[in-house]
PDB file of N, CA and C in Angstrom:
ATOM      1  N   MET A   1      54.792 -71.204  43.438  1.00  0.00           N
ATOM      2  CA  MET A   1      53.830 -70.537  44.408  1.00  0.00           C
ATOM      3  C   MET A   1      54.566 -70.738  45.742  1.00  0.00           C
ATOM      4  N   TYR A   2      54.729 -69.529  46.316  1.00  0.00           N
ATOM      5  CA  TYR A   2      55.361 -69.604  47.833  1.00  0.00           C
ATOM      6  C   TYR A   2      54.338 -69.436  48.774  1.00  0.00           C
ATOM      7  N   THR A   3      54.383 -69.821  50.080  1.00  0.00           N
ATOM      8  CA  THR A   3      53.454 -69.589  51.274  1.00  0.00           C
ATOM      9  C   THR A   3      54.437 -69.056  52.180  1.00  0.00           C
ATOM     10  N   MET A   4      54.083 -68.146  52.803  1.00  0.00           N
ATOM     11  CA  MET A   4      54.882 -66.928  53.746  1.00  0.00           C
ATOM     12  C   MET A   4      54.096 -66.799  54.930  1.00  0.00           C
ATOM     13  N   ALA A   5      54.757 -66.945  56.141  1.00  0.00           N
ATOM     14  CA  ALA A   5      53.640 -66.561  57.299  1.00  0.00           C
ATOM     15  C   ALA A   5      54.251 -65.072  57.571  1.00  0.00           C
ATOM     16  N   ASN A   6      53.003 -64.487  58.061  1.00  0.00           N
ATOM     17  CA  ASN A   6      53.191 -63.061  58.314  1.00  0.00           C
ATOM     18  C   ASN A   6      53.157 -62.819  59.951  1.00  0.00           C
ATOM     19  N   THR A   7      53.139 -61.526  60.202  1.00  0.00           N
ATOM     20  CA  THR A   7      53.657 -61.204  61.746  1.00  0.00           C
ATOM     21  C   THR A   7      52.230 -61.735  62.531  1.00  0.00           C
ATOM     22  N   THR A   8      51.172 -61.807  62.010  1.00  0.00           N
ATOM     23  CA  THR A   8      49.917 -62.559  62.970  1.00  0.00           C
ATOM     24  C   THR A   8      50.066 -63.881  62.996  1.00  0.00           C
ATOM     25  N   GLY A   9      50.777 -64.630  62.446  1.00  0.00           N
ATOM     26  CA  GLY A   9      50.771 -66.168  62.411  1.00  0.00           C
ATOM     27  C   GLY A   9      50.292 -66.733  61.329  1.00  0.00           C
ATOM     28  N   LYS A  10      49.397 -66.032  60.662  1.00  0.00           N
ATOM     29  CA  LYS A  10      48.500 -66.685  59.476  1.00  0.00           C
ATOM     30  C   LYS A  10      49.239 -66.764  58.225  1.00  0.00           C
ATOM     31  N   SER A  11      49.217 -67.721  57.689  1.00  0.00           N
ATOM     32  CA  SER A  11      50.061 -68.191  56.281  1.00  0.00           C
ATOM     33  C   SER A  11      49.331 -67.109  55.448  1.00  0.00           C
ATOM     34  N   GLN A  12      50.130 -66.894  54.382  1.00  0.00           N
ATOM     35  CA  GLN A  12      49.794 -66.162  53.152  1.00  0.00           C
ATOM     36  C   GLN A  12      50.703 -66.516  51.930  1.00  0.00           C
ATOM     37  N   THR A  13      49.660 -67.038  51.032  1.00  0.00           N
ATOM     38  CA  THR A  13      49.907 -67.723  49.865  1.00  0.00           C
ATOM     39  C   THR A  13      50.337 -66.561  48.625  1.00  0.00           C
ATOM     40  N   ILE A  14      51.461 -66.554  48.303  1.00  0.00           N
ATOM     41  CA  ILE A  14      52.332 -65.578  47.417  1.00  0.00           C
ATOM     42  C   ILE A  14      52.310 -66.477  46.062  1.00  0.00           C
ATOM     43  N   TYR A  15      51.451 -66.084  44.862  1.00  0.00           N
ATOM     44  CA  TYR A  15      51.852 -66.557  43.469  1.00  0.00           C
ATOM     45  C   TYR A  15      52.741 -65.543  42.755  1.00  0.00           C
ATOM     46  N   HIS A  16      53.753 -66.188  42.285  1.00  0.00           N
ATOM     47  CA  HIS A  16      54.946 -65.644  41.518  1.00  0.00           C
ATOM     48  C   HIS A  16      55.150 -66.200  39.998  1.00  0.00           C
ATOM     49  N   THR A  17      54.833 -65.440  39.411  1.00  0.00           N
ATOM     50  CA  THR A  17      55.171 -65.655  37.783  1.00  0.00           C
ATOM     51  C   THR A  17      56.144 -64.719  37.178  1.00  0.00           C
ATOM     52  N   ILE A  18      56.664 -65.063  35.973  1.00  0.00           N
ATOM     53  CA  ILE A  18      57.963 -64.111  35.470  1.00  0.00           C
ATOM     54  C   ILE A  18      57.057 -62.686  35.265  1.00  0.00           C
ATOM     55  N   GLY A  19      57.848 -61.858  35.705  1.00  0.00           N
ATOM     56  CA  GLY A  19      57.472 -60.301  35.629  1.00  0.00           C
ATOM     57  C   GLY A  19      56.151 -59.782  36.454  1.00  0.00           C
ATOM     58  N   MET A  20      55.685 -60.491  37.496  1.00  0.00           N
ATOM     59  CA  MET A  20      54.427 -60.145  38.228  1.00  0.00           C
ATOM     60  C   MET A  20      54.353 -60.699  39.220  1.00  0.00           C
ATOM     61  N   VAL A  21      53.901 -60.030  40.389  1.00  0.00           N
ATOM     62  CA  VAL A  21      53.534 -60.759  41.765  1.00  0.00           C
ATOM     63  C   VAL A  21      52.421 -60.597  42.064  1.00  0.00           C
ATOM     64  N   ILE A  22      51.374 -61.849  42.406  1.00  0.00           N
ATOM     65  CA  ILE A  22      50.210 -61.334  42.833  1.00  0.00           C
ATOM     66  C   ILE A  22      49.991 -61.967  44.378  1.00  0.00           C
ATOM     67  N   ALA A  23      49.557 -61.136  45.038  1.00  0.00           N
ATOM     68  CA  ALA A  23      49.694 -61.842  46.524  1.00  0.00           C
ATOM     69  C   ALA A  23      48.202 -61.917  47.002  1.00  0.00           C
ATOM     70  N   ASN A  24      47.753 -63.128  47.486  1.00  0.00           N
ATOM     71  CA  ASN A  24      46.396 -63.505  47.731  1.00  0.00           C
ATOM     72  C   ASN A  24      45.084 -63.323  46.627  1.00  0.00           C
ATOM     73  N   LYS A  25      45.694 -63.143  45.409  1.00  0.00           N
ATOM     74  CA  LYS A  25      44.958 -62.867  44.293  1.00  0.00           C
ATOM     75  C   LYS A  25      43.929 -61.447  44.519  1.00  0.00           C
ATOM     76  N   THR A  26      44.384 -60.743  45.572  1.00  0.00           N
ATOM     77  CA  THR A  26      43.546 -59.461  45.713  1.00  0.00           C
ATOM     78  C   THR A  26      44.368 -58.135  45.440  1.00  0.00           C
ATOM     79  N   ARG A  27      45.583 -58.309  45.419  1.00  0.00           N
ATOM     80  CA  ARG A  27      46.204 -57.052  44.994  1.00  0.00           C
ATOM     81  C   ARG A  27      46.538 -56.754  43.437  1.00  0.00           C
ATOM     82  N   LEU A  28      46.808 -55.783  43.136  1.00  0.00           N
ATOM     83  CA  LEU A  28      46.852 -55.189  41.520  1.00  0.00           C
ATOM     84  C   LEU A  28      48.420 -56.119  41.466  1.00  0.00           C
ATOM     85  N   ILE A  29      48.265 -56.269  39.980  1.00  0.00           N
ATOM     86  CA  ILE A  29      49.503 -56.955  39.236  1.00  0.00           C
ATOM     87  C   ILE A  29      50.602 -55.913  39.439  1.00  0.00           C
ATOM     88  N   MET A  30      51.501 -56.153  39.833  1.00  0.00           N
ATOM     89  CA  MET A  30      53.067 -55.200  40.040  1.00  0.00           C
ATOM     90  C   MET A  30      53.947 -55.495  39.107  1.00  0.00           C
ATOM     91  N   PRO A  31      54.020 -54.779  37.964  1.00  0.00           N
ATOM     92  CA  PRO A  31      55.072 -55.286  37.012  1.00  0.00           C
ATOM     93  C   PRO A  31      56.475 -54.524  37.604  1.00  0.00           C
ATOM     94  N   ILE A  32      57.553 -55.717  37.286  1.00  0.00           N
ATOM     95  CA  ILE A  32      59.024 -55.449  37.614  1.00  0.00           C
ATOM     96  C   ILE A  32      59.700 -54.794  36.428  1.00  0.00           C
ATOM     97  N   ASN A  33      59.301 -55.069  35.413  1.00  0.00           N
ATOM     98  CA  ASN A  33      59.758 -54.296  34.013  1.00  0.00           C
ATOM     99  C   ASN A  33      58.917 -53.544  33.457  1.00  0.00           C
ATOM    100  N   LYS A  34      59.090 -52.392  33.478  1.00  0.00           N
ATOM    101  CA  LYS A  34      58.094 -51.400  32.408  1.00  0.00           C
ATOM    102  C   LYS A  34      58.385 -51.403  31.380  1.00  0.00           C
ATOM    103  N   VAL A  35      57.134 -51.780  30.533  1.00  0.00           N
ATOM    104  CA  VAL A  35      57.458 -52.053  29.190  1.00  0.00           C
ATOM    105  C   VAL A  35      55.854 -51.747  28.659  1.00  0.00           C
ATOM    106  N   THR A  36      55.586 -51.182  27.679  1.00  0.00           N
ATOM    107  CA  THR A  36      54.146 -50.824  27.165  1.00  0.00           C
ATOM    108  C   THR A  36      53.801 -51.913  26.185  1.00  0.00           C
ATOM    109  N   LYS A  37      52.750 -52.071  25.722  1.00  0.00           N
ATOM    110  CA  LYS A  37      52.157 -52.905  24.754  1.00  0.00           C
ATOM    111  C   LYS A  37      52.828 -52.621  23.408  1.00  0.00           C
ATOM    112  N   LYS A  38      52.715 -50.958  23.170  1.00  0.00           N
ATOM    113  CA  LYS A  38      53.369 -50.763  21.732  1.00  0.00           C
ATOM    114  C   LYS A  38      54.741 -51.102  21.701  1.00  0.00           C
ATOM    115  N   GLU A  39      55.680 -51.027  22.773  1.00  0.00           N
ATOM    116  CA  GLU A  39      57.057 -51.634  22.416  1.00  0.00           C
ATOM    117  C   GLU A  39      56.955 -53.007  22.399  1.00  0.00           C
ATOM    118  N   VAL A  40      56.197 -53.505  22.893  1.00  0.00           N
ATOM    119  CA  VAL A  40      56.061 -55.135  23.084  1.00  0.00           C
ATOM    120  C   VAL A  40      55.889 -55.513  21.414  1.00  0.00           C
ATOM    121  N   LEU A  41      54.568 -54.822  20.788  1.00  0.00           N
ATOM    122  CA  LEU A  41      54.331 -55.031  19.575  1.00  0.00           C
ATOM    123  C   LEU A  41      55.295 -54.624  18.359  1.00  0.00           C
ATOM    124  N   ASP A  42      55.931 -53.764  18.682  1.00  0.00           N
ATOM    125  CA  ASP A  42      57.016 -52.986  17.898  1.00  0.00           C
ATOM    126  C   ASP A  42      58.241 -54.374  17.950  1.00  0.00           C
ATOM    127  N   ALA A  43      58.499 -54.704  18.998  1.00  0.00           N
ATOM    128  CA  ALA A  43      59.668 -55.755  19.009  1.00  0.00           C
ATOM    129  C   ALA A  43      59.338 -56.860  18.204  1.00  0.00           C
ATOM    130  N   ILE A  44      57.775 -57.434  18.406  1.00  0.00           N
ATOM    131  CA  ILE A  44      57.198 -58.458  17.789  1.00  0.00           C
ATOM    132  C   ILE A  44      57.511 -58.527  16.440  1.00  0.00           C
ATOM    133  N   ASP A  45      57.029 -56.986  15.858  1.00  0.00           N
ATOM    134  CA  ASP A  45      56.861 -56.661  14.364  1.00  0.00           C
ATOM    135  C   ASP A  45      58.289 -56.732  13.649  1.00  0.00           C
ATOM    136  N   TYR A  46      59.428 -56.071  14.736  1.00  0.00           N
ATOM    137  CA  TYR A  46      60.840 -56.023  14.142  1.00  0.00           C
ATOM    138  C   TYR A  46      61.434 -57.349  13.959  1.00  0.00           C
ATOM    139  N   PHE A  47      61.282 -58.351  14.886  1.00  0.00           N
ATOM    140  CA  PHE A  47      61.725 -59.656  14.835  1.00  0.00           C
ATOM    141  C   PHE A  47      61.418 -60.592  13.934  1.00  0.00           C
ATOM    142  N   TRP A  48      59.721 -60.495  14.131  1.00  0.00           N
ATOM    143  CA  TRP A  48      59.021 -61.923  13.434  1.00  0.00           C
ATOM    144  C   TRP A  48      58.591 -61.377  11.813  1.00  0.00           C
ATOM    145  N   ALA A  49      57.955 -60.095  12.127  1.00  0.00           N
ATOM    146  CA  ALA A  49      57.291 -59.876  10.708  1.00  0.00           C
ATOM    147  C   ALA A  49      58.118 -59.112   9.893  1.00  0.00           C
ATOM    148  N   GLU A  50      59.247 -58.458  10.211  1.00  0.00           N
ATOM    149  CA  GLU A  50      60.212 -57.821   9.308  1.00  0.00           C
ATOM    150  C   GLU A  50      61.363 -58.730   8.823  1.00  0.00           C
ATOM    151  N   GLY A  51      61.454 -60.040   9.680  1.00  0.00           N
ATOM    152  CA  GLY A  51      62.234 -61.267   9.529  1.00  0.00           C
ATOM    153  C   GLY A  51      63.411 -60.756  10.092  1.00  0.00           C
ATOM    154  N   PHE A  52      64.024 -59.978  10.866  1.00  0.00           N
ATOM    155  CA  PHE A  52      65.102 -59.373  11.509  1.00  0.00           C
ATOM    156  C   PHE A  52      65.717 -60.791  12.379  1.00  0.00           C
ATOM    157  N   ILE A  53      64.719 -61.715  12.855  1.00  0.00           N
ATOM    158  CA  ILE A  53      65.206 -62.714  13.735  1.00  0.00           C
ATOM    159  C   ILE A  53      66.323 -63.606  12.999  1.00  0.00           C
ATOM    160  N   GLU A  54      66.038 -63.641  11.586  1.00  0.00           N
ATOM    161  CA  GLU A  54      67.156 -64.331  10.682  1.00  0.00           C
ATOM    162  C   GLU A  54      68.451 -63.933  10.783  1.00  0.00           C
ATOM    163  N   ASP A  55      68.877 -62.652  11.394  1.00  0.00           N
ATOM    164  CA  ASP A  55      70.099 -61.978  11.371  1.00  0.00           C
ATOM    165  C   ASP A  55      70.944 -62.570  12.823  1.00  0.00           C
ATOM    166  N   LEU A  56      69.912 -63.040  13.623  1.00  0.00           N
ATOM    167  CA  LEU A  56      70.757 -63.849  14.772  1.00  0.00           C
ATOM    168  C   LEU A  56      71.429 -64.972  14.556  1.00  0.00           C
ATOM    169  N   ARG A  57      72.352 -65.531  15.440  1.00  0.00           N
ATOM    170  CA  ARG A  57      73.048 -66.628  15.385  1.00  0.00           C
ATOM    171  C   ARG A  57      72.053 -67.599  15.722  1.00  0.00           C
ATOM    172  N   SER A  58      72.259 -68.767  15.544  1.00  0.00           N
ATOM    173  CA  SER A  58      71.407 -69.849  16.065  1.00  0.00           C
ATOM    174  C   SER A  58      70.912 -70.169  17.343  1.00  0.00           C
ATOM    175  N   ASP A  59      71.820 -69.832  18.232  1.00  0.00           N
ATOM    176  CA  ASP A  59      71.622 -69.925  19.852  1.00  0.00           C
ATOM    177  C   ASP A  59      70.699 -68.673  20.066  1.00  0.00           C
ATOM    178  N   ALA A  60      71.248 -67.601  19.490  1.00  0.00           N
ATOM    179  CA  ALA A  60      70.362 -66.498  19.969  1.00  0.00           C
ATOM    180  C   ALA A  60      69.125 -66.351  19.314  1.00  0.00           C
ATOM    181  N   ARG A  61      68.768 -66.917  17.969  1.00  0.00           N
ATOM    182  CA  ARG A  61      67.729 -67.113  17.260  1.00  0.00           C
ATOM    183  C   ARG A  61      66.637 -67.938  17.974  1.00  0.00           C
ATOM    184  N   HIS A  62      67.144 -69.154  18.615  1.00  0.00           N
ATOM    185  CA  HIS A  62      66.343 -69.728  19.256  1.00  0.00           C
ATOM    186  C   HIS A  62      65.965 -69.646  20.546  1.00  0.00           C
ATOM    187  N   TYR A  63      66.453 -68.854  21.280  1.00  0.00           N
ATOM    188  CA  TYR A  63      65.948 -68.103  22.559  1.00  0.00           C
ATOM    189  C   TYR A  63      64.957 -67.075  22.383  1.00  0.00           C
ATOM    190  N   VAL A  64      65.584 -65.996  21.430  1.00  0.00           N
ATOM    191  CA  VAL A  64      64.570 -64.852  20.940  1.00  0.00           C
ATOM    192  C   VAL A  64      63.150 -65.341  20.704  1.00  0.00           C
ATOM    193  N   THR A  65      63.384 -66.574  19.785  1.00  0.00           N
ATOM    194  CA  THR A  65      61.985 -67.123  19.073  1.00  0.00           C
ATOM    195  C   THR A  65      61.387 -67.650  20.274  1.00  0.00           C
ATOM    196  N   ILE A  66      61.812 -68.279  21.228  1.00  0.00           N
ATOM    197  CA  ILE A  66      61.186 -69.057  22.425  1.00  0.00           C
ATOM    198  C   ILE A  66      60.340 -67.412  23.374  1.00  0.00           C
ATOM    199  N   LEU A  67      61.033 -66.496  23.185  1.00  0.00           N
ATOM    200  CA  LEU A  67      60.429 -65.314  24.020  1.00  0.00           C
ATOM    201  C   LEU A  67      59.382 -64.773  23.318  1.00  0.00           C
ATOM    202  N   LEU A  68      59.544 -64.458  22.099  1.00  0.00           N
ATOM    203  CA  LEU A  68      58.284 -63.868  20.964  1.00  0.00           C
ATOM    204  C   LEU A  68      57.264 -64.730  21.209  1.00  0.00           C
ATOM    205  N   LYS A  69      57.555 -66.182  21.113  1.00  0.00           N
ATOM    206  CA  LYS A  69      56.272 -67.025  21.166  1.00  0.00           C
ATOM    207  C   LYS A  69      55.587 -66.953  22.571  1.00  0.00           C
ATOM    208  N   LYS A  70      56.234 -66.672  23.609  1.00  0.00           N
ATOM    209  CA  LYS A  70      55.744 -66.790  24.916  1.00  0.00           C
ATOM    210  C   LYS A  70      54.888 -65.274  25.126  1.00  0.00           C
ATOM    211  N   VAL A  71      55.430 -64.059  24.437  1.00  0.00           N
ATOM    212  CA  VAL A  71      54.832 -63.119  24.453  1.00  0.00           C
ATOM    213  C   VAL A  71      53.578 -62.916  23.547  1.00  0.00           C
ATOM    214  N   ALA A  72      53.781 -63.502  22.486  1.00  0.00           N
ATOM    215  CA  ALA A  72      52.778 -63.554  21.254  1.00  0.00           C
ATOM    216  C   ALA A  72      51.773 -64.456  22.027  1.00  0.00           C
ATOM    217  N   ASN A  73      51.949 -65.358  22.800  1.00  0.00           N
ATOM    218  CA  ASN A  73      50.830 -66.410  23.495  1.00  0.00           C
ATOM    219  C   ASN A  73      50.198 -65.442  24.582  1.00  0.00           C
ATOM    220  N   ASP A  74      50.779 -64.571  25.326  1.00  0.00           N
ATOM    221  CA  ASP A  74      50.269 -63.550  26.252  1.00  0.00           C
ATOM    222  C   ASP A  74      49.201 -62.672  25.605  1.00  0.00           C
ATOM    223  N   TYR A  75      49.817 -62.059  24.384  1.00  0.00           N
ATOM    224  CA  TYR A  75      48.623 -61.178  23.900  1.00  0.00           C
ATOM    225  C   TYR A  75      48.072 -61.879  22.637  1.00  0.00           C
ATOM    226  N   LYS A  76      47.750 -63.060  22.715  1.00  0.00           N
ATOM    227  CA  LYS A  76      46.892 -64.030  21.931  1.00  0.00           C
ATOM    228  C   LYS A  76      47.189 -63.336  20.168  1.00  0.00           C
ATOM    229  N   ILE A  77      48.372 -63.475  20.254  1.00  0.00           N
ATOM    230  CA  ILE A  77      49.053 -63.175  18.674  1.00  0.00           C
ATOM    231  C   ILE A  77      49.211 -64.407  18.078  1.00  0.00           C
ATOM    232  N   MET A  78      48.580 -64.771  16.906  1.00  0.00           N
ATOM    233  CA  MET A  78      49.268 -65.913  15.945  1.00  0.00           C
ATOM    234  C   MET A  78      50.575 -65.431  15.144  1.00  0.00           C
ATOM    235  N   LEU A  79      51.630 -66.244  15.513  1.00  0.00           N
ATOM    236  CA  LEU A  79      52.899 -65.963  14.921  1.00  0.00           C
ATOM    237  C   LEU A  79      52.871 -66.804  13.583  1.00  0.00           C
ATOM    238  N   GLU A  80      52.663 -66.377  12.715  1.00  0.00           N
ATOM    239  CA  GLU A  80      52.530 -67.355  11.467  1.00  0.00           C
ATOM    240  C   GLU A  80      54.024 -67.466  10.529  1.00  0.00           C
ATOM    241  N   ASN A  81      54.301 -68.667  10.415  1.00  0.00           N
ATOM    242  CA  ASN A  81      55.466 -68.979   9.900  1.00  0.00           C
ATOM    243  C   ASN A  81      55.638 -70.332   9.116  1.00  0.00           C
ATOM    244  N   PRO A  82      55.870 -70.482   7.875  1.00  0.00           N
ATOM    245  CA  PRO A  82      55.803 -71.882   7.379  1.00  0.00           C
ATOM    246  C   PRO A  82      56.816 -72.860   7.901  1.00  0.00           C
ATOM    247  N   ASP A  83      57.999 -72.407   8.398  1.00  0.00           N
ATOM    248  CA  ASP A  83      58.822 -73.199   9.035  1.00  0.00           C
ATOM    249  C   ASP A  83      58.527 -73.189  10.523  1.00  0.00           C
ATOM    250  N   ASP A  84      57.661 -73.102  11.000  1.00  0.00           N
ATOM    251  CA  ASP A  84      57.225 -73.246  12.428  1.00  0.00           C
ATOM    252  C   ASP A  84      56.816 -74.496  12.902  1.00  0.00           C
ATOM    253  N   GLU A  85      57.445 -74.832  13.990  1.00  0.00           N
ATOM    254  CA  GLU A  85      57.271 -76.280  14.309  1.00  0.00           C
ATOM    255  C   GLU A  85      56.415 -76.593  15.262  1.00  0.00           C
TER     256      GLU A  85
END
């Protein structure tokens, strides 16, 4: 969270999260990177459901798994895997 002063001298609170900026909780969410829900679901399906994440080396697999879990949480998708920690 950042607080910035505007030209009228009043402070304005800016909430910043990955991929979106929300100002004063009244503006619309403005995506930084344009991606559709279908593209996201296709990527989850490709890497997780089809198992292509196993083709990645250990470091890449680790970080892609983190990103997949974050996006799955945002979309309220349960990633099922018996080896899941």
